[in-house]
Amino acid sequence: MSDRHHVQPEAYHLKPTAHCPNNDVPVLIYRNVLSSLDEDRVFQGSSELVFGEGVSDPVGTGVRCLVRAGDVVVVPAGVGHASVSQTEGAGEQPSDESEYRYVGVYPEGSPVYKYEIGKKALEETSVLAEEVAAVPLPQTDPIFGVDGPLMRIWTASRSSHVNQAMNRTVEFK
C-alpha cells in the first residue's frame, strides 16, 4: 500500500442529465488505499464503472473509470452509477480472487437508498432532485477522517455551486 496520507483522490464533477440529478459535489476515487494485506480483504478484481449517466441517457453522457482492488470510490447522493464491464466471470458468482467484488456502505443517518435507474426524466422525479440537494455533507472523510481531502473538496464544490446559483439569480433581476 502506498503512503495513503499523501494520496489525493481523483475528482469527477458531473452535471445533471435528463435522467440523473447527479450532485454538485464530485465523485471521488482514492487509488490503491486499501492493501491486499489488510485483515478484511474484500475488494477483488477490477471493473469499468460509469458515473453520472442513467440507462435512458445517451451512452457517453457520464464518465467511465477503471477501478481495481484497493481503490475506494465515494459516490455522492443522486449520482447515477453502474458497472459496465468486469474482469473474467462477470455476471457469475465470484469463485476466485481474480473476479470483481466490491462492498457498498452508506454513512450513519443517510437517507434510505433509492434504486432509481435513470429511466424517468427528471421533470417526473423533481422530488428526487430535491431530496439529493437536501443530503448533508458527511462529517468525515471515509479514509482519512476529519482532515481528509473529501471535506475540503466537497465543501469547496458546494460553496462554488451556491455562489454560482446566487450569481445567476442576480443576473436574472
N, C-alpha and C. Protein backbone atom coordinates (compact mmCIF):
# COMPACT_ATOMS: atom_id res chain seq x y z
N MET A 1 0.85 -1.18 0.00
CA MET A 1 0.00 0.00 0.00
C MET A 1 0.89 1.23 0.00
N SER A 2 0.53 2.21 -0.79
CA SER A 2 1.26 3.47 -0.81
C SER A 2 0.97 4.25 0.47
N ASP A 3 1.79 5.27 0.74
CA ASP A 3 1.56 6.11 1.91
C ASP A 3 0.26 6.87 1.70
N ARG A 4 -0.82 6.38 2.27
CA ARG A 4 -2.13 6.94 1.99
C ARG A 4 -2.34 8.34 2.55
N HIS A 5 -1.42 8.80 3.39
CA HIS A 5 -1.55 10.16 3.92
C HIS A 5 -1.22 11.21 2.86
N HIS A 6 -0.63 10.78 1.74
CA HIS A 6 -0.29 11.72 0.68
C HIS A 6 -1.15 11.50 -0.57
N VAL A 7 -2.10 10.61 -0.50
CA VAL A 7 -2.96 10.31 -1.64
C VAL A 7 -4.04 11.38 -1.76
N GLN A 8 -4.18 11.95 -2.95
CA GLN A 8 -5.28 12.86 -3.23
C GLN A 8 -6.23 12.12 -4.17
N PRO A 9 -7.51 12.14 -3.90
CA PRO A 9 -8.45 11.42 -4.76
C PRO A 9 -8.63 12.11 -6.11
N GLU A 10 -8.97 11.30 -7.10
CA GLU A 10 -9.41 11.85 -8.39
C GLU A 10 -10.82 12.39 -8.15
N ALA A 11 -11.15 13.51 -8.75
CA ALA A 11 -12.47 14.13 -8.57
C ALA A 11 -13.15 14.27 -9.92
N TYR A 12 -14.38 13.76 -10.02
CA TYR A 12 -15.16 13.81 -11.25
C TYR A 12 -16.45 14.60 -11.01
N HIS A 13 -16.51 15.80 -11.56
CA HIS A 13 -17.68 16.67 -11.44
C HIS A 13 -18.67 16.29 -12.54
N LEU A 14 -19.92 16.07 -12.17
CA LEU A 14 -20.94 15.60 -13.11
C LEU A 14 -22.13 16.55 -13.12
N LYS A 15 -22.52 16.96 -14.30
CA LYS A 15 -23.70 17.82 -14.43
C LYS A 15 -24.95 16.96 -14.44
N PRO A 16 -26.09 17.54 -14.06
CA PRO A 16 -27.35 16.79 -14.16
C PRO A 16 -27.61 16.40 -15.61
N THR A 17 -28.26 15.27 -15.79
CA THR A 17 -28.68 14.85 -17.13
C THR A 17 -30.21 14.85 -17.15
N ALA A 18 -30.77 14.47 -18.25
CA ALA A 18 -32.23 14.40 -18.35
C ALA A 18 -32.82 13.37 -17.40
N HIS A 19 -31.98 12.39 -16.97
CA HIS A 19 -32.50 11.29 -16.16
C HIS A 19 -31.81 11.09 -14.81
N CYS A 20 -30.73 11.82 -14.55
CA CYS A 20 -30.00 11.71 -13.28
C CYS A 20 -29.76 13.09 -12.69
N PRO A 21 -30.16 13.30 -11.44
CA PRO A 21 -29.90 14.60 -10.84
C PRO A 21 -28.40 14.84 -10.62
N ASN A 22 -27.63 13.76 -10.43
CA ASN A 22 -26.22 13.84 -10.08
C ASN A 22 -26.07 14.74 -8.86
N ASN A 23 -24.95 15.40 -8.67
CA ASN A 23 -24.74 16.17 -7.45
C ASN A 23 -23.76 17.29 -7.73
N ASP A 24 -23.80 18.33 -6.94
CA ASP A 24 -22.85 19.43 -7.12
C ASP A 24 -21.49 19.13 -6.50
N VAL A 25 -21.36 18.03 -5.78
CA VAL A 25 -20.05 17.59 -5.28
C VAL A 25 -19.58 16.42 -6.13
N PRO A 26 -18.27 16.28 -6.36
CA PRO A 26 -17.78 15.27 -7.28
C PRO A 26 -17.70 13.86 -6.71
N VAL A 27 -17.73 12.88 -7.62
CA VAL A 27 -17.37 11.51 -7.28
C VAL A 27 -15.87 11.54 -6.98
N LEU A 28 -15.45 10.86 -5.92
CA LEU A 28 -14.04 10.79 -5.58
C LEU A 28 -13.54 9.36 -5.68
N ILE A 29 -12.37 9.18 -6.28
CA ILE A 29 -11.75 7.85 -6.34
C ILE A 29 -10.37 7.95 -5.70
N TYR A 30 -10.21 7.23 -4.60
CA TYR A 30 -8.93 7.13 -3.91
C TYR A 30 -8.25 5.87 -4.45
N ARG A 31 -7.13 6.03 -5.10
CA ARG A 31 -6.44 4.90 -5.72
C ARG A 31 -5.51 4.18 -4.74
N ASN A 32 -5.67 2.85 -4.72
CA ASN A 32 -4.77 1.95 -4.01
C ASN A 32 -4.57 2.33 -2.54
N VAL A 33 -5.65 2.64 -1.84
CA VAL A 33 -5.55 2.99 -0.43
C VAL A 33 -5.84 1.82 0.50
N LEU A 34 -6.34 0.72 -0.04
CA LEU A 34 -6.54 -0.48 0.76
C LEU A 34 -5.58 -1.54 0.27
N SER A 35 -4.83 -2.12 1.16
CA SER A 35 -3.82 -3.10 0.81
C SER A 35 -4.41 -4.50 0.79
N SER A 36 -3.84 -5.37 -0.05
CA SER A 36 -4.25 -6.77 -0.05
C SER A 36 -3.82 -7.43 1.26
N LEU A 37 -2.98 -6.76 2.04
CA LEU A 37 -2.55 -7.29 3.33
C LEU A 37 -3.49 -6.90 4.46
N ASP A 38 -4.45 -6.01 4.18
CA ASP A 38 -5.42 -5.63 5.21
C ASP A 38 -6.15 -6.88 5.67
N GLU A 39 -6.49 -6.92 6.96
CA GLU A 39 -7.15 -8.10 7.51
C GLU A 39 -8.43 -8.46 6.78
N ASP A 40 -9.24 -7.49 6.48
CA ASP A 40 -10.53 -7.74 5.83
C ASP A 40 -10.41 -7.42 4.35
N ARG A 41 -9.83 -8.33 3.60
CA ARG A 41 -9.67 -8.09 2.16
C ARG A 41 -10.99 -8.39 1.47
N VAL A 42 -11.67 -7.34 1.05
CA VAL A 42 -12.98 -7.53 0.45
C VAL A 42 -13.05 -7.06 -0.99
N PHE A 43 -12.03 -6.37 -1.48
CA PHE A 43 -12.06 -5.85 -2.84
C PHE A 43 -11.20 -6.74 -3.72
N GLN A 44 -11.76 -7.17 -4.82
CA GLN A 44 -11.05 -8.06 -5.72
C GLN A 44 -11.33 -7.69 -7.17
N GLY A 45 -10.37 -8.02 -8.03
CA GLY A 45 -10.57 -7.85 -9.46
C GLY A 45 -10.59 -6.39 -9.87
N SER A 46 -11.25 -6.13 -10.99
CA SER A 46 -11.38 -4.76 -11.49
C SER A 46 -12.69 -4.64 -12.26
N SER A 47 -13.10 -3.40 -12.47
CA SER A 47 -14.33 -3.15 -13.21
C SER A 47 -14.27 -1.76 -13.81
N GLU A 48 -14.90 -1.59 -14.96
CA GLU A 48 -15.09 -0.25 -15.51
C GLU A 48 -16.45 0.23 -15.01
N LEU A 49 -16.44 1.39 -14.35
CA LEU A 49 -17.66 1.97 -13.81
C LEU A 49 -18.04 3.19 -14.63
N VAL A 50 -19.33 3.46 -14.73
CA VAL A 50 -19.80 4.70 -15.35
C VAL A 50 -20.53 5.49 -14.27
N PHE A 51 -20.24 6.79 -14.21
CA PHE A 51 -20.87 7.69 -13.24
C PHE A 51 -21.59 8.80 -13.98
N GLY A 52 -22.75 9.20 -13.45
CA GLY A 52 -23.45 10.37 -13.98
C GLY A 52 -24.31 10.11 -15.19
N GLU A 53 -24.68 8.87 -15.42
CA GLU A 53 -25.43 8.51 -16.62
C GLU A 53 -26.52 7.51 -16.25
N GLY A 54 -27.78 7.84 -16.55
CA GLY A 54 -28.87 6.91 -16.34
C GLY A 54 -29.03 6.00 -17.55
N VAL A 55 -29.78 4.92 -17.42
CA VAL A 55 -29.93 3.98 -18.52
C VAL A 55 -30.62 4.59 -19.73
N SER A 56 -31.40 5.66 -19.52
CA SER A 56 -32.07 6.32 -20.65
C SER A 56 -31.27 7.49 -21.22
N ASP A 57 -30.14 7.82 -20.61
CA ASP A 57 -29.27 8.88 -21.14
C ASP A 57 -28.44 8.31 -22.29
N PRO A 58 -28.02 9.16 -23.23
CA PRO A 58 -27.15 8.68 -24.30
C PRO A 58 -25.84 8.12 -23.73
N VAL A 59 -25.38 7.01 -24.29
CA VAL A 59 -24.10 6.44 -23.87
C VAL A 59 -23.02 7.49 -24.08
N GLY A 60 -22.17 7.65 -23.10
CA GLY A 60 -21.11 8.65 -23.18
C GLY A 60 -21.45 9.93 -22.44
N THR A 61 -22.66 10.02 -21.90
CA THR A 61 -23.06 11.20 -21.13
C THR A 61 -22.24 11.29 -19.85
N GLY A 62 -21.97 10.15 -19.25
CA GLY A 62 -21.24 10.11 -17.98
C GLY A 62 -19.74 9.97 -18.17
N VAL A 63 -19.08 9.63 -17.08
CA VAL A 63 -17.63 9.43 -17.05
C VAL A 63 -17.36 7.97 -16.75
N ARG A 64 -16.43 7.38 -17.49
CA ARG A 64 -16.05 5.98 -17.25
C ARG A 64 -14.69 5.93 -16.58
N CYS A 65 -14.57 5.05 -15.58
CA CYS A 65 -13.33 4.91 -14.82
C CYS A 65 -13.09 3.44 -14.53
N LEU A 66 -11.85 3.01 -14.64
CA LEU A 66 -11.47 1.66 -14.25
C LEU A 66 -11.08 1.67 -12.78
N VAL A 67 -11.67 0.78 -12.00
CA VAL A 67 -11.30 0.64 -10.59
C VAL A 67 -10.75 -0.75 -10.37
N ARG A 68 -9.81 -0.82 -9.43
CA ARG A 68 -9.12 -2.09 -9.13
C ARG A 68 -9.16 -2.35 -7.63
N ALA A 69 -8.77 -3.56 -7.27
CA ALA A 69 -8.66 -3.90 -5.85
C ALA A 69 -7.80 -2.86 -5.15
N GLY A 70 -8.26 -2.41 -3.99
CA GLY A 70 -7.53 -1.41 -3.22
C GLY A 70 -8.05 0.01 -3.40
N ASP A 71 -8.85 0.24 -4.46
CA ASP A 71 -9.42 1.57 -4.69
C ASP A 71 -10.67 1.76 -3.83
N VAL A 72 -10.93 3.00 -3.45
CA VAL A 72 -12.16 3.35 -2.74
C VAL A 72 -12.85 4.43 -3.55
N VAL A 73 -14.14 4.22 -3.82
CA VAL A 73 -14.94 5.17 -4.59
C VAL A 73 -16.00 5.77 -3.67
N VAL A 74 -16.10 7.10 -3.66
CA VAL A 74 -17.13 7.78 -2.88
C VAL A 74 -18.10 8.42 -3.87
N VAL A 75 -19.34 7.90 -3.87
CA VAL A 75 -20.36 8.36 -4.81
C VAL A 75 -21.37 9.21 -4.05
N PRO A 76 -21.48 10.50 -4.38
CA PRO A 76 -22.46 11.35 -3.69
C PRO A 76 -23.90 10.93 -4.01
N ALA A 77 -24.81 11.30 -3.15
CA ALA A 77 -26.23 11.02 -3.36
C ALA A 77 -26.66 11.55 -4.72
N GLY A 78 -27.50 10.79 -5.41
CA GLY A 78 -28.08 11.24 -6.67
C GLY A 78 -27.26 10.98 -7.91
N VAL A 79 -26.04 10.48 -7.75
CA VAL A 79 -25.18 10.23 -8.92
C VAL A 79 -25.49 8.86 -9.49
N GLY A 80 -25.87 8.83 -10.77
CA GLY A 80 -26.07 7.56 -11.45
C GLY A 80 -24.75 6.82 -11.53
N HIS A 81 -24.77 5.52 -11.29
CA HIS A 81 -23.53 4.75 -11.36
C HIS A 81 -23.85 3.28 -11.65
N ALA A 82 -22.95 2.65 -12.40
CA ALA A 82 -23.12 1.24 -12.75
C ALA A 82 -21.78 0.66 -13.16
N SER A 83 -21.67 -0.65 -13.03
CA SER A 83 -20.51 -1.36 -13.55
C SER A 83 -20.83 -1.73 -14.99
N VAL A 84 -19.95 -1.35 -15.93
CA VAL A 84 -20.22 -1.62 -17.34
C VAL A 84 -19.37 -2.74 -17.90
N SER A 85 -18.29 -3.10 -17.22
CA SER A 85 -17.51 -4.28 -17.60
C SER A 85 -16.72 -4.72 -16.39
N GLN A 86 -16.47 -6.03 -16.32
CA GLN A 86 -15.75 -6.58 -15.18
C GLN A 86 -14.69 -7.54 -15.67
N THR A 87 -13.84 -7.96 -14.73
CA THR A 87 -12.88 -8.99 -15.06
C THR A 87 -13.62 -10.30 -15.30
N GLU A 88 -12.91 -11.29 -15.72
CA GLU A 88 -13.47 -12.59 -16.03
C GLU A 88 -14.49 -13.03 -14.98
N GLY A 89 -15.62 -13.57 -15.43
CA GLY A 89 -16.63 -14.06 -14.51
C GLY A 89 -17.77 -13.09 -14.29
N ALA A 90 -17.84 -12.03 -15.06
CA ALA A 90 -18.90 -11.04 -14.87
C ALA A 90 -20.26 -11.72 -14.95
N GLY A 91 -21.12 -11.38 -14.02
CA GLY A 91 -22.47 -11.93 -14.02
C GLY A 91 -22.59 -13.27 -13.32
N GLU A 92 -21.48 -13.82 -12.88
CA GLU A 92 -21.50 -15.10 -12.19
C GLU A 92 -21.13 -14.89 -10.73
N GLN A 93 -21.40 -15.87 -9.91
CA GLN A 93 -20.99 -15.80 -8.51
C GLN A 93 -19.47 -15.87 -8.46
N PRO A 94 -18.79 -14.88 -7.84
CA PRO A 94 -17.34 -14.91 -7.77
C PRO A 94 -16.84 -16.19 -7.11
N SER A 95 -15.84 -16.83 -7.73
CA SER A 95 -15.33 -18.07 -7.18
C SER A 95 -13.85 -18.02 -6.88
N ASP A 96 -13.15 -16.99 -7.36
CA ASP A 96 -11.74 -16.86 -7.02
C ASP A 96 -11.37 -15.39 -6.90
N GLU A 97 -10.13 -15.13 -6.52
CA GLU A 97 -9.72 -13.76 -6.23
C GLU A 97 -9.51 -12.90 -7.46
N SER A 98 -9.62 -13.45 -8.68
CA SER A 98 -9.44 -12.62 -9.88
C SER A 98 -10.73 -11.93 -10.29
N GLU A 99 -11.86 -12.37 -9.74
CA GLU A 99 -13.15 -11.81 -10.13
C GLU A 99 -13.48 -10.58 -9.31
N TYR A 100 -14.27 -9.70 -9.90
CA TYR A 100 -14.59 -8.40 -9.30
C TYR A 100 -15.57 -8.54 -8.15
N ARG A 101 -15.23 -7.96 -7.01
CA ARG A 101 -16.11 -7.88 -5.85
C ARG A 101 -15.95 -6.50 -5.23
N TYR A 102 -17.04 -5.98 -4.69
CA TYR A 102 -16.97 -4.69 -4.01
C TYR A 102 -17.94 -4.69 -2.84
N VAL A 103 -17.77 -3.71 -1.97
CA VAL A 103 -18.66 -3.52 -0.84
C VAL A 103 -19.16 -2.09 -0.90
N GLY A 104 -20.46 -1.89 -0.76
CA GLY A 104 -21.03 -0.54 -0.72
C GLY A 104 -21.51 -0.24 0.68
N VAL A 105 -21.19 0.95 1.17
CA VAL A 105 -21.63 1.36 2.51
C VAL A 105 -22.20 2.78 2.44
N TYR A 106 -23.03 3.09 3.41
CA TYR A 106 -23.64 4.41 3.49
C TYR A 106 -23.39 4.97 4.88
N PRO A 107 -23.12 6.28 4.99
CA PRO A 107 -22.87 6.86 6.32
C PRO A 107 -24.09 6.70 7.23
N GLU A 108 -23.82 6.60 8.52
CA GLU A 108 -24.89 6.53 9.51
C GLU A 108 -25.77 7.77 9.37
N GLY A 109 -27.08 7.57 9.40
CA GLY A 109 -28.02 8.68 9.28
C GLY A 109 -28.36 9.06 7.85
N SER A 110 -27.81 8.32 6.88
CA SER A 110 -28.10 8.63 5.47
C SER A 110 -29.56 8.35 5.15
N PRO A 111 -30.11 9.07 4.17
CA PRO A 111 -31.47 8.74 3.73
C PRO A 111 -31.50 7.31 3.17
N VAL A 112 -32.65 6.72 3.16
CA VAL A 112 -32.80 5.37 2.62
C VAL A 112 -32.42 5.38 1.15
N TYR A 113 -31.59 4.41 0.75
CA TYR A 113 -31.14 4.31 -0.64
C TYR A 113 -32.34 4.08 -1.55
N LYS A 114 -32.37 4.80 -2.66
CA LYS A 114 -33.44 4.63 -3.65
C LYS A 114 -32.82 4.11 -4.93
N TYR A 115 -33.31 2.99 -5.38
CA TYR A 115 -32.79 2.39 -6.60
C TYR A 115 -33.51 3.00 -7.79
N GLU A 116 -32.98 4.11 -8.27
CA GLU A 116 -33.52 4.79 -9.45
C GLU A 116 -32.54 4.50 -10.57
N ILE A 117 -32.98 3.91 -11.66
CA ILE A 117 -32.02 3.52 -12.69
C ILE A 117 -31.95 4.49 -13.86
N GLY A 118 -32.53 5.66 -13.69
CA GLY A 118 -32.40 6.68 -14.71
C GLY A 118 -33.28 6.49 -15.92
N LYS A 119 -34.45 5.87 -15.74
CA LYS A 119 -35.38 5.71 -16.86
C LYS A 119 -36.34 6.89 -16.97
N LYS A 120 -36.70 7.48 -15.82
CA LYS A 120 -37.66 8.59 -15.82
C LYS A 120 -36.93 9.91 -16.04
N ALA A 121 -37.55 10.80 -16.80
CA ALA A 121 -36.99 12.14 -16.98
C ALA A 121 -37.07 12.89 -15.64
N LEU A 122 -36.12 13.77 -15.40
CA LEU A 122 -36.06 14.49 -14.12
C LEU A 122 -37.32 15.29 -13.83
N GLU A 123 -37.99 15.80 -14.83
CA GLU A 123 -39.22 16.55 -14.59
C GLU A 123 -40.23 15.69 -13.84
N GLU A 124 -40.20 14.39 -14.12
CA GLU A 124 -41.11 13.47 -13.47
C GLU A 124 -40.65 13.11 -12.07
N THR A 125 -39.38 13.36 -11.77
CA THR A 125 -38.83 12.97 -10.47
C THR A 125 -38.19 14.15 -9.76
N SER A 126 -38.82 15.33 -9.85
CA SER A 126 -38.25 16.52 -9.21
C SER A 126 -38.08 16.34 -7.71
N VAL A 127 -38.92 15.51 -7.10
CA VAL A 127 -38.79 15.23 -5.67
C VAL A 127 -37.43 14.59 -5.41
N LEU A 128 -36.99 13.71 -6.30
CA LEU A 128 -35.69 13.07 -6.16
C LEU A 128 -34.57 14.10 -6.17
N ALA A 129 -34.61 15.03 -7.10
CA ALA A 129 -33.58 16.07 -7.18
C ALA A 129 -33.58 16.93 -5.91
N GLU A 130 -34.74 17.22 -5.37
CA GLU A 130 -34.83 17.99 -4.13
C GLU A 130 -34.26 17.21 -2.96
N GLU A 131 -34.55 15.91 -2.91
CA GLU A 131 -34.01 15.07 -1.83
C GLU A 131 -32.49 15.00 -1.91
N VAL A 132 -31.94 14.88 -3.11
CA VAL A 132 -30.49 14.83 -3.29
C VAL A 132 -29.85 16.12 -2.78
N ALA A 133 -30.42 17.25 -3.13
CA ALA A 133 -29.88 18.55 -2.70
C ALA A 133 -29.92 18.71 -1.19
N ALA A 134 -30.85 18.03 -0.53
CA ALA A 134 -31.01 18.17 0.92
C ALA A 134 -30.08 17.26 1.73
N VAL A 135 -29.39 16.32 1.08
CA VAL A 135 -28.49 15.41 1.80
C VAL A 135 -27.28 16.21 2.29
N PRO A 136 -27.02 16.20 3.60
CA PRO A 136 -25.88 16.97 4.13
C PRO A 136 -24.54 16.34 3.76
N LEU A 137 -23.50 17.16 3.79
CA LEU A 137 -22.15 16.63 3.57
C LEU A 137 -21.77 15.76 4.76
N PRO A 138 -20.95 14.73 4.54
CA PRO A 138 -20.53 13.89 5.66
C PRO A 138 -19.65 14.67 6.63
N GLN A 139 -19.53 14.17 7.83
CA GLN A 139 -18.72 14.82 8.86
C GLN A 139 -17.23 14.51 8.72
N THR A 140 -16.91 13.38 8.07
CA THR A 140 -15.51 12.98 7.93
C THR A 140 -15.26 12.33 6.57
N ASP A 141 -14.01 12.31 6.20
CA ASP A 141 -13.54 11.60 5.01
C ASP A 141 -13.51 10.11 5.36
N PRO A 142 -13.99 9.21 4.49
CA PRO A 142 -14.05 7.79 4.84
C PRO A 142 -12.68 7.12 4.98
N ILE A 143 -11.65 7.72 4.42
CA ILE A 143 -10.31 7.14 4.51
C ILE A 143 -9.45 7.87 5.53
N PHE A 144 -9.47 9.20 5.52
CA PHE A 144 -8.55 10.00 6.32
C PHE A 144 -9.18 10.69 7.52
N GLY A 145 -10.48 10.56 7.71
CA GLY A 145 -11.12 11.19 8.86
C GLY A 145 -11.39 12.68 8.65
N VAL A 146 -11.42 13.44 9.76
CA VAL A 146 -11.82 14.84 9.72
C VAL A 146 -10.91 15.72 8.87
N ASP A 147 -9.65 15.40 8.77
CA ASP A 147 -8.71 16.21 8.00
C ASP A 147 -8.53 15.72 6.57
N GLY A 148 -9.36 14.78 6.13
CA GLY A 148 -9.20 14.22 4.80
C GLY A 148 -9.61 15.15 3.68
N PRO A 149 -9.19 14.85 2.46
CA PRO A 149 -9.48 15.71 1.33
C PRO A 149 -10.96 15.81 0.96
N LEU A 150 -11.76 14.82 1.29
CA LEU A 150 -13.19 14.89 0.94
C LEU A 150 -13.82 16.16 1.51
N MET A 151 -13.52 16.47 2.74
CA MET A 151 -14.13 17.64 3.39
C MET A 151 -13.77 18.92 2.63
N ARG A 152 -12.50 19.06 2.27
CA ARG A 152 -12.05 20.27 1.56
C ARG A 152 -12.67 20.33 0.17
N ILE A 153 -12.62 19.22 -0.57
CA ILE A 153 -13.11 19.19 -1.96
C ILE A 153 -14.62 19.40 -2.01
N TRP A 154 -15.37 18.66 -1.19
CA TRP A 154 -16.82 18.76 -1.24
C TRP A 154 -17.32 20.11 -0.71
N THR A 155 -16.68 20.63 0.34
CA THR A 155 -17.10 21.93 0.86
C THR A 155 -16.86 23.02 -0.19
N ALA A 156 -15.71 22.98 -0.86
CA ALA A 156 -15.41 23.96 -1.91
C ALA A 156 -16.39 23.83 -3.07
N SER A 157 -16.71 22.60 -3.47
CA SER A 157 -17.66 22.39 -4.57
C SER A 157 -19.04 22.90 -4.20
N ARG A 158 -19.49 22.60 -3.01
CA ARG A 158 -20.81 23.04 -2.56
C ARG A 158 -20.86 24.57 -2.50
N SER A 159 -19.80 25.20 -1.96
CA SER A 159 -19.74 26.67 -1.88
C SER A 159 -19.74 27.29 -3.26
N SER A 160 -18.97 26.72 -4.17
CA SER A 160 -18.89 27.23 -5.54
C SER A 160 -20.26 27.14 -6.22
N HIS A 161 -20.95 26.02 -6.00
CA HIS A 161 -22.27 25.82 -6.59
C HIS A 161 -23.26 26.86 -6.05
N VAL A 162 -23.23 27.11 -4.75
CA VAL A 162 -24.12 28.10 -4.14
C VAL A 162 -23.81 29.49 -4.70
N ASN A 163 -22.52 29.84 -4.81
CA ASN A 163 -22.14 31.15 -5.35
C ASN A 163 -22.61 31.31 -6.80
N GLN A 164 -22.47 30.26 -7.60
CA GLN A 164 -22.92 30.32 -8.99
C GLN A 164 -24.43 30.52 -9.05
N ALA A 165 -25.15 29.82 -8.20
CA ALA A 165 -26.61 29.95 -8.18
C ALA A 165 -27.01 31.37 -7.78
N MET A 166 -26.31 31.95 -6.82
CA MET A 166 -26.61 33.32 -6.39
C MET A 166 -26.31 34.31 -7.51
N ASN A 167 -25.21 34.09 -8.24
CA ASN A 167 -24.86 34.97 -9.36
C ASN A 167 -25.90 34.88 -10.47
N ARG A 168 -26.41 33.68 -10.72
CA ARG A 168 -27.44 33.53 -11.74
C ARG A 168 -28.70 34.26 -11.33
N THR A 169 -29.05 34.21 -10.06
CA THR A 169 -30.24 34.91 -9.59
C THR A 169 -30.08 36.41 -9.80
N VAL A 170 -28.91 36.94 -9.51
CA VAL A 170 -28.65 38.37 -9.69
C VAL A 170 -28.74 38.74 -11.17
N GLU A 171 -28.23 37.88 -12.05
CA GLU A 171 -28.25 38.16 -13.49
C GLU A 171 -29.67 38.26 -14.03
N PHE A 172 -30.61 37.51 -13.47
CA PHE A 172 -31.97 37.49 -13.99
C PHE A 172 -32.80 38.67 -13.50
N LYS A 173 -32.32 39.42 -12.54
CA LYS A 173 -33.10 40.54 -11.99
C LYS A 173 -33.17 41.68 -12.96
